Amino acid sequence: MQVSRRLRTHGLAGIGIGLCCLLTVAGSAKAATFCVMTAEELESALVRAESNGEDDVVRLVQGRYDGSFAYVSDEAWTLTIEGGYLPDCVDREVEPAKTVLDGLEAAAVLVVNVTQPTDIVVDGLTLQNGAETTEPGGGLVAMLQGGTFTLSHSTVTNNRSVEGAGAGVFVSGATTVTLTRNTISRNTGEANGGEQFL
């Protein structure tokens, strides 16, 4: 599976960060927290997180984010993506219908591709209308080299994968996969419309 095919489809890799806020948490552990309110800010946060040498938390303010989003990294730092935040990015309502990532039937909705063992958490999102025509995955794709993958309190729906499997959720390479309180439905794939773990 080629990493390059999972790169940004927006063409936003070169834009400025433009985030509503970027917080670096002081202390012995390095961590960055991003607060995003638009699709462009989400793309910028993921690009920044790919190589900043820190654990990263991306907080999504409630709303709709159209496009295909990718995190492609050679670093072993953790990534957490959480939906449901109010504009201050402090208060949060964990209700997936309030934070929607929509692939517009053009590409996979969210792709995480990491070449080092790491921990990935996706929580409180709806991932919908993703489409992949040449490889597995349509909604959420996680390609890891060890570590853990956790999907919780999320809805993955109406995604499709024409050639492959795991149209809703496709995970490969993770040592541990945990799914908690998710709704995965109405995803269509040639081999498996729901989820696939390799």
Protein backbone atom coordinates (compact mmCIF):
# COMPACT_ATOMS: atom_id res chain seq x y z
CA MET A 1 0.00 0.00 0.00
CA GLN A 2 1.52 3.28 -1.08
CA VAL A 3 1.81 6.13 1.42
CA SER A 4 1.68 8.71 -1.35
CA ARG A 5 -1.87 7.85 -2.38
CA ARG A 6 -3.04 8.76 1.11
CA LEU A 7 -1.70 12.30 1.08
CA ARG A 8 -3.81 15.41 1.14
CA THR A 9 -6.48 15.85 -1.50
CA HIS A 10 -7.24 19.47 -0.62
CA GLY A 11 -3.90 20.87 -1.76
CA LEU A 12 -3.68 22.62 1.59
CA ALA A 13 -0.28 21.34 2.67
CA GLY A 14 1.39 24.64 1.89
CA ILE A 15 -1.03 27.03 3.61
CA GLY A 16 -0.29 28.76 6.90
CA ILE A 17 -1.31 27.17 10.14
CA GLY A 18 -4.21 29.59 10.70
CA LEU A 19 -5.54 27.71 13.69
CA CYS A 20 -7.86 29.41 16.10
CA CYS A 21 -5.43 28.40 18.78
CA LEU A 22 -2.35 26.25 19.33
CA LEU A 23 -1.47 25.40 22.89
CA THR A 24 1.76 23.78 24.01
CA VAL A 25 1.44 22.11 27.37
CA ALA A 26 4.39 22.74 29.68
CA GLY A 27 5.97 19.93 31.64
CA SER A 28 8.28 17.01 31.19
CA ALA A 29 6.17 15.41 28.45
CA LYS A 30 5.98 17.28 25.18
CA ALA A 31 2.44 17.76 23.91
CA ALA A 32 0.62 20.09 21.53
CA THR A 33 -3.10 20.81 21.53
CA PHE A 34 -4.79 22.20 18.43
CA CYS A 35 -8.24 23.81 18.44
CA VAL A 36 -9.81 23.82 14.98
CA MET A 37 -13.04 25.22 13.61
CA THR A 38 -12.78 24.71 9.82
CA ALA A 39 -11.70 22.04 7.35
CA GLU A 40 -8.65 24.12 6.45
CA GLU A 41 -7.62 24.41 10.09
CA LEU A 42 -8.05 20.66 10.57
CA GLU A 43 -5.83 19.93 7.59
CA SER A 44 -3.21 22.38 8.84
CA ALA A 45 -3.26 20.89 12.34
CA LEU A 46 -2.69 17.39 10.97
CA VAL A 47 0.17 18.59 8.78
CA ARG A 48 1.81 20.33 11.73
CA ALA A 49 1.31 17.31 13.98
CA GLU A 50 3.00 14.98 11.50
CA SER A 51 6.47 16.29 12.28
CA ASN A 52 6.41 18.50 15.38
CA GLY A 53 8.08 15.95 17.66
CA GLU A 54 5.26 15.99 20.22
CA ASP A 55 2.22 14.05 21.30
CA ASP A 56 -0.72 15.78 19.64
CA VAL A 57 -4.36 16.38 20.55
CA VAL A 58 -6.61 17.82 17.84
CA ARG A 59 -9.84 19.25 19.25
CA LEU A 60 -12.62 19.80 16.72
CA VAL A 61 -15.25 22.41 17.40
CA GLN A 62 -18.76 21.18 16.64
CA GLY A 63 -19.68 21.59 12.99
CA ARG A 64 -19.14 20.08 9.57
CA TYR A 65 -15.74 19.50 7.98
CA ASP A 66 -15.87 18.65 4.28
CA GLY A 67 -13.00 16.88 2.53
CA SER A 68 -10.47 14.11 2.93
CA PHE A 69 -8.03 14.46 5.83
CA ALA A 70 -4.68 12.74 6.24
CA TYR A 71 -2.02 12.31 8.91
CA VAL A 72 1.13 10.72 7.45
CA SER A 73 4.05 10.53 9.85
CA ASP A 74 7.37 8.82 10.51
CA GLU A 75 7.23 9.76 14.21
CA ALA A 76 6.16 7.62 17.16
CA TRP A 77 4.28 10.38 19.00
CA THR A 78 0.62 9.78 19.86
CA LEU A 79 -2.29 11.39 18.04
CA THR A 80 -5.73 12.01 19.52
CA ILE A 81 -8.56 13.50 17.44
CA GLU A 82 -11.66 14.50 19.42
CA GLY A 83 -14.94 16.04 18.31
CA GLY A 84 -17.70 17.83 20.16
CA TYR A 85 -15.92 20.92 21.47
CA LEU A 86 -17.53 24.29 21.97
CA PRO A 87 -15.68 27.27 20.44
CA ASP A 88 -13.46 27.71 23.50
CA CYS A 89 -12.12 24.16 22.99
CA VAL A 90 -12.46 23.58 26.73
CA ASP A 91 -16.05 22.42 27.14
CA ARG A 92 -17.11 19.36 25.16
CA GLU A 93 -20.26 17.40 24.33
CA VAL A 94 -19.47 13.85 23.22
CA GLU A 95 -22.18 13.48 20.57
CA PRO A 96 -20.89 12.31 17.17
CA ALA A 97 -23.71 13.94 15.21
CA LYS A 98 -22.40 17.36 16.28
CA THR A 99 -18.96 16.96 14.66
CA VAL A 100 -19.15 15.60 11.12
CA LEU A 101 -16.33 14.83 8.70
CA ASP A 102 -17.82 14.41 5.22
CA GLY A 103 -15.74 12.94 2.39
CA LEU A 104 -18.17 14.21 -0.25
CA GLU A 105 -17.87 10.81 -1.98
CA ALA A 106 -14.48 11.86 -3.38
CA ALA A 107 -11.92 10.02 -1.20
CA ALA A 108 -11.47 8.33 2.16
CA VAL A 109 -12.63 10.63 4.97
CA LEU A 110 -9.77 10.22 7.47
CA VAL A 111 -6.47 8.46 6.84
CA VAL A 112 -3.78 7.86 9.47
CA ASN A 113 -0.52 6.36 8.19
CA VAL A 114 2.36 6.02 10.67
CA THR A 115 5.60 4.11 10.13
CA GLN A 116 6.51 3.83 13.85
CA PRO A 117 4.69 2.09 16.74
CA THR A 118 2.31 4.66 18.19
CA ASP A 119 -1.11 5.15 19.79
CA ILE A 120 -3.98 6.66 17.80
CA VAL A 121 -7.33 7.69 19.30
CA VAL A 122 -10.38 8.95 17.38
CA ASP A 123 -13.32 9.95 19.58
CA GLY A 124 -16.69 11.65 19.17
CA LEU A 125 -16.91 12.07 15.38
CA THR A 126 -19.16 11.17 12.49
CA LEU A 127 -17.24 9.99 9.42
CA GLN A 128 -19.47 9.82 6.38
CA ASN A 129 -19.64 9.78 2.58
CA GLY A 130 -16.09 8.57 2.03
CA ALA A 131 -15.23 6.70 -1.16
CA GLU A 132 -12.16 4.71 -2.16
CA THR A 133 -12.04 3.25 -5.66
CA THR A 134 -8.63 1.54 -5.76
CA GLU A 135 -7.77 0.31 -2.23
CA PRO A 136 -9.42 -0.75 1.06
CA GLY A 137 -11.08 1.77 3.31
CA GLY A 138 -13.58 4.52 2.71
CA GLY A 139 -14.47 6.08 6.05
CA LEU A 140 -11.56 5.67 8.47
CA VAL A 141 -8.25 4.15 7.40
CA ALA A 142 -5.44 3.49 9.91
CA MET A 143 -2.18 1.98 8.68
CA LEU A 144 0.18 1.48 11.60
CA GLN A 145 3.40 -0.37 12.44
CA GLY A 146 2.48 -1.55 15.93
CA GLY A 147 0.90 0.34 18.80
CA THR A 148 -2.78 0.82 19.52
CA PHE A 149 -5.76 2.13 17.61
CA THR A 150 -8.90 3.24 19.46
CA LEU A 151 -12.19 4.39 17.94
CA SER A 152 -14.86 5.45 20.43
CA HIS A 153 -18.20 7.28 20.64
CA SER A 154 -18.26 7.70 16.86
CA THR A 155 -20.50 7.04 13.88
CA VAL A 156 -19.09 5.68 10.62
CA THR A 157 -21.74 5.61 7.91
CA ASN A 158 -22.42 5.70 4.18
CA ASN A 159 -18.84 5.05 3.09
CA ARG A 160 -17.81 2.80 0.22
CA SER A 161 -14.79 0.92 -1.03
CA VAL A 162 -15.13 -0.34 -4.59
CA GLU A 163 -12.00 -2.49 -4.86
CA GLY A 164 -11.21 -3.40 -1.27
CA ALA A 165 -12.63 -4.22 2.14
CA GLY A 166 -13.33 -2.33 5.34
CA ALA A 167 -15.39 0.39 3.70
CA GLY A 168 -16.33 1.80 7.09
CA VAL A 169 -13.19 1.19 9.16
CA PHE A 170 -9.97 -0.36 7.86
CA VAL A 171 -7.07 -0.90 10.29
CA SER A 172 -3.77 -2.62 9.50
CA GLY A 173 -0.63 -3.16 11.55
CA ALA A 174 -1.95 -2.19 15.00
CA THR A 175 -1.03 -4.47 17.91
CA THR A 176 -4.32 -3.65 19.66
CA VAL A 177 -7.59 -2.37 18.17
CA THR A 178 -10.33 -1.13 20.50
CA LEU A 179 -13.82 -0.12 19.37
CA THR A 180 -16.10 1.34 22.04
CA ARG A 181 -19.66 2.68 21.70
CA ASN A 182 -19.59 3.23 17.95
CA THR A 183 -22.24 2.95 15.26
CA ILE A 184 -20.81 1.49 12.05
CA SER A 185 -23.55 1.11 9.45
CA ARG A 186 -24.55 1.47 5.79
CA ASN A 187 -20.98 1.08 4.52
CA THR A 188 -20.54 -0.89 1.30
CA GLY A 189 -17.46 -2.73 0.11
CA GLU A 190 -16.65 -5.50 -2.32
CA ALA A 191 -15.40 -7.80 0.44
CA ASN A 192 -16.54 -6.31 3.74
CA GLY A 193 -18.70 -3.25 4.15
CA GLY A 194 -18.21 -2.70 7.85
CA GLU A 195 -14.75 -3.02 9.31
CA GLN A 196 -11.59 -4.99 8.67
CA PHE A 197 -8.51 -5.41 10.86
CA LEU A 198 -5.27 -6.87 9.57
